């Protein structure tokens, strides 16, 4: 948003929410939000609030991390007996929690990993549990991984179709014809915005 504001002189008010459901509840109650950025699968659940128009922003992988002292060579290794605990963000509230659940189910690993899976609130909490050695492994995103890879035993990106998160931007119903909204969505999908999105792991 800073680059867009610098180039256009337009002011953008930002609202961040770890729980997309809570954020969209605010939209429903008319808090002034007219553009929502999240993953494609989640936003499909809110077609009553959002315009069908959408601009794809790119995709980002699920990331498996593990603590120091744990030997993981491939993602499926979390099923090994010596990996005794795996943390995941809450799939009811976090995009990457849903991504992790989807990947575990698609690979059949949910049967063996499920009993040792511990659901926590957010992606940063998963990182903290693993970095401090309280959990053997966990699922996060690239943005959190960049905050401190040196505190971990290692990390692997999971690019399976079942795990990849597809990010899009959609306007709130009634805002799709607003020239400012159209201009901002066009900017987000442009080459100028790509380097910024790449910083958050969206490519």
Protein backbone atom coordinates (compact mmCIF):
# COMPACT_ATOMS: atom_id res chain seq x y z
CA UNK A 1 0.00 0.00 0.00
CA UNK A 2 2.88 2.38 0.68
CA UNK A 3 4.10 2.14 -2.92
CA UNK A 4 0.59 2.61 -4.28
CA UNK A 5 0.04 5.65 -2.09
CA UNK A 6 3.38 7.10 -3.16
CA UNK A 7 2.64 6.64 -6.85
CA UNK A 8 -0.99 7.75 -6.84
CA UNK A 9 -1.33 10.08 -3.88
CA UNK A 10 -4.35 8.06 -2.75
CA UNK A 11 -4.73 7.18 0.93
CA UNK A 12 -5.49 3.57 1.85
CA UNK A 13 -6.74 2.45 5.24
CA UNK A 14 -5.50 -1.02 6.17
CA UNK A 15 -7.18 -3.57 8.42
CA UNK A 16 -5.38 -6.78 9.39
CA UNK A 17 -7.09 -9.80 10.90
CA UNK A 18 -5.67 -13.22 11.75
CA UNK A 19 -9.18 -14.61 11.52
CA UNK A 20 -10.69 -13.99 8.07
CA UNK A 21 -14.15 -14.80 9.46
CA UNK A 22 -13.89 -11.98 11.98
CA UNK A 23 -12.63 -9.58 9.34
CA UNK A 24 -15.47 -10.38 6.97
CA UNK A 25 -17.94 -10.02 9.83
CA UNK A 26 -16.71 -6.44 10.10
CA UNK A 27 -17.31 -6.03 6.36
CA UNK A 28 -20.85 -7.34 6.81
CA UNK A 29 -21.52 -4.76 9.45
CA UNK A 30 -20.35 -1.97 7.15
CA UNK A 31 -17.05 -0.80 8.59
CA UNK A 32 -15.93 0.81 5.31
CA UNK A 33 -13.77 -2.01 3.92
CA UNK A 34 -14.17 -2.30 0.15
CA UNK A 35 -11.34 -4.69 -0.86
CA UNK A 36 -10.40 -8.02 0.73
CA UNK A 37 -7.13 -9.90 0.15
CA UNK A 38 -6.96 -13.56 1.17
CA UNK A 39 -6.78 -17.04 -0.32
CA UNK A 40 -9.14 -18.09 -3.08
CA UNK A 41 -10.68 -21.03 -1.22
CA UNK A 42 -11.59 -18.96 1.82
CA UNK A 43 -13.13 -16.10 -0.10
CA UNK A 44 -15.40 -18.49 -2.01
CA UNK A 45 -17.20 -19.01 1.30
CA UNK A 46 -18.18 -15.35 1.37
CA UNK A 47 -19.76 -14.88 -2.04
CA UNK A 48 -22.73 -13.18 -0.38
CA UNK A 49 -20.46 -10.34 0.74
CA UNK A 50 -17.97 -10.11 -2.11
CA UNK A 51 -18.20 -9.30 -5.79
CA UNK A 52 -17.41 -12.20 -8.14
CA UNK A 53 -14.69 -10.05 -9.71
CA UNK A 54 -11.22 -11.11 -8.60
CA UNK A 55 -7.58 -10.47 -9.43
CA UNK A 56 -5.09 -13.31 -8.85
CA UNK A 57 -1.98 -12.22 -6.96
CA UNK A 58 0.05 -15.42 -7.08
CA UNK A 59 0.54 -18.47 -4.94
CA UNK A 60 2.62 -19.40 -1.93
CA UNK A 61 3.58 -22.83 -0.57
CA UNK A 62 2.96 -24.41 2.78
CA UNK A 63 6.23 -24.68 4.73
CA UNK A 64 7.23 -27.51 7.05
CA UNK A 65 9.71 -26.56 9.78
CA UNK A 66 11.40 -28.65 12.46
CA UNK A 67 13.42 -28.06 15.59
CA UNK A 68 17.14 -28.53 15.95
CA UNK A 69 18.03 -32.14 16.64
CA UNK A 70 15.28 -33.58 14.44
CA UNK A 71 16.24 -35.24 11.15
CA UNK A 72 13.76 -34.58 8.34
CA UNK A 73 14.76 -35.08 4.72
CA UNK A 74 11.33 -34.88 3.06
CA UNK A 75 7.89 -33.70 4.24
CA UNK A 76 6.58 -37.26 4.67
CA UNK A 77 9.22 -37.82 7.37
CA UNK A 78 6.89 -36.18 9.91
CA UNK A 79 5.19 -39.59 10.03
CA UNK A 80 8.37 -41.17 11.46
CA UNK A 81 8.26 -42.41 15.04
CA UNK A 82 11.03 -40.06 16.19
CA UNK A 83 8.90 -37.03 15.23
CA UNK A 84 6.61 -37.09 18.24
CA UNK A 85 4.76 -33.77 17.92
CA UNK A 86 3.61 -31.62 15.00
CA UNK A 87 2.04 -28.17 15.37
CA UNK A 88 -0.47 -26.69 12.95
CA UNK A 89 -2.29 -23.34 12.87
CA UNK A 90 -6.01 -23.59 13.58
CA UNK A 91 -7.70 -24.52 10.27
CA UNK A 92 -10.88 -22.74 11.39
CA UNK A 93 -9.07 -19.42 11.52
CA UNK A 94 -5.78 -19.62 9.61
CA UNK A 95 -5.18 -20.11 5.89
CA UNK A 96 -2.11 -22.27 6.46
CA UNK A 97 -3.96 -24.44 8.95
CA UNK A 98 -6.43 -25.30 6.20
CA UNK A 99 -3.55 -25.82 3.78
CA UNK A 100 -1.86 -28.23 6.19
CA UNK A 101 -5.09 -30.17 6.75
CA UNK A 102 -5.66 -30.40 2.99
CA UNK A 103 -2.13 -31.67 2.36
CA UNK A 104 -2.23 -34.23 5.16
CA UNK A 105 -5.51 -35.61 3.84
CA UNK A 106 -4.37 -35.65 0.19
CA UNK A 107 -1.16 -37.52 1.04
CA UNK A 108 -2.81 -39.93 3.46
CA UNK A 109 -0.48 -38.76 6.23
CA UNK A 110 -3.43 -37.64 8.37
CA UNK A 111 -3.79 -41.22 9.64
CA UNK A 112 -0.28 -41.38 11.10
CA UNK A 113 0.34 -37.70 11.83
CA UNK A 114 -3.14 -36.98 13.21
CA UNK A 115 -2.54 -38.52 16.67
CA UNK A 116 0.53 -36.32 17.25
CA UNK A 117 -0.88 -33.17 15.64
CA UNK A 118 -1.45 -30.23 17.97
CA UNK A 119 -3.57 -27.36 16.71
CA UNK A 120 -2.55 -23.93 17.98
CA UNK A 121 -3.89 -20.47 17.18
CA UNK A 122 -1.65 -18.86 14.59
CA UNK A 123 1.33 -19.37 12.29
CA UNK A 124 3.69 -17.31 14.53
CA UNK A 125 2.71 -19.51 17.48
CA UNK A 126 3.66 -22.63 15.51
CA UNK A 127 7.02 -21.08 14.70
CA UNK A 128 7.58 -20.20 18.36
CA UNK A 129 6.77 -23.72 19.59
CA UNK A 130 9.19 -25.29 17.11
CA UNK A 131 11.97 -22.70 17.47
CA UNK A 132 11.98 -23.14 21.27
CA UNK A 133 11.99 -26.93 20.97
CA UNK A 134 8.55 -27.44 22.50
CA UNK A 135 7.31 -29.12 19.31
CA UNK A 136 9.29 -31.30 16.92
CA UNK A 137 7.80 -29.91 13.70
CA UNK A 138 5.11 -27.60 12.42
CA UNK A 139 3.45 -25.89 9.48
CA UNK A 140 4.05 -22.21 8.74
CA UNK A 141 4.36 -19.82 5.78
CA UNK A 142 7.37 -18.25 4.08
CA UNK A 143 6.81 -14.84 5.69
CA UNK A 144 7.20 -16.27 9.20
CA UNK A 145 10.12 -18.47 8.14
CA UNK A 146 12.04 -15.37 7.07
CA UNK A 147 11.87 -14.03 10.62
CA UNK A 148 14.38 -16.57 11.92
CA UNK A 149 15.46 -19.65 9.99
CA UNK A 150 18.63 -19.87 12.09
CA UNK A 151 16.59 -20.86 15.16
CA UNK A 152 15.29 -23.97 13.40
CA UNK A 153 16.70 -27.35 12.49
CA UNK A 154 15.44 -26.88 8.94
CA UNK A 155 12.55 -26.12 6.63
CA UNK A 156 11.01 -27.45 3.41
CA UNK A 157 8.55 -25.79 1.08
CA UNK A 158 5.61 -27.99 0.06
CA UNK A 159 4.48 -27.17 -3.48
CA UNK A 160 1.91 -29.96 -3.88
CA UNK A 161 -1.35 -28.71 -5.36
CA UNK A 162 -3.15 -29.69 -2.17
CA UNK A 163 -0.85 -27.47 -0.09
CA UNK A 164 -0.38 -24.38 -2.26
CA UNK A 165 -2.27 -21.26 -1.20
CA UNK A 166 -3.64 -19.15 -4.07
CA UNK A 167 -3.93 -15.51 -3.07
CA UNK A 168 -6.47 -13.18 -4.69
CA UNK A 169 -8.06 -9.79 -4.14
CA UNK A 170 -11.83 -9.31 -4.35
CA UNK A 171 -13.94 -6.16 -3.91
CA UNK A 172 -16.86 -6.01 -1.53
CA UNK A 173 -20.21 -6.10 -3.32
CA UNK A 174 -21.15 -2.63 -4.46
CA UNK A 175 -17.53 -1.46 -4.63
CA UNK A 176 -16.51 -3.25 -7.81
CA UNK A 177 -17.33 -0.25 -10.03
CA UNK A 178 -15.55 2.30 -7.85
CA UNK A 179 -12.67 3.73 -9.96
CA UNK A 180 -10.35 3.80 -6.95
CA UNK A 181 -11.08 0.16 -6.15
CA UNK A 182 -10.47 -0.86 -9.76
CA UNK A 183 -7.21 1.07 -9.84
CA UNK A 184 -5.96 -0.53 -6.63
CA UNK A 185 -6.84 -4.05 -7.79
CA UNK A 186 -5.10 -3.42 -11.10
CA UNK A 187 -2.01 -2.22 -9.25
CA UNK A 188 -1.92 -5.29 -6.98
CA UNK A 189 -1.94 -7.56 -10.03
CA UNK A 190 0.72 -5.52 -11.85
CA UNK A 191 4.46 -6.11 -12.24
CA UNK A 192 5.16 -3.18 -9.92
CA UNK A 193 3.52 -4.98 -7.01
CA UNK A 194 5.25 -8.33 -7.65
CA UNK A 195 8.45 -7.54 -5.69
CA UNK A 196 6.39 -6.59 -2.65
CA UNK A 197 4.24 -9.71 -2.86
CA UNK A 198 7.40 -11.80 -3.28
CA UNK A 199 8.62 -10.52 0.09
CA UNK A 200 5.64 -12.30 1.64
CA UNK A 201 6.27 -15.48 -0.33
CA UNK A 202 3.60 -14.86 -2.96
CA UNK A 203 4.95 -15.61 -6.46
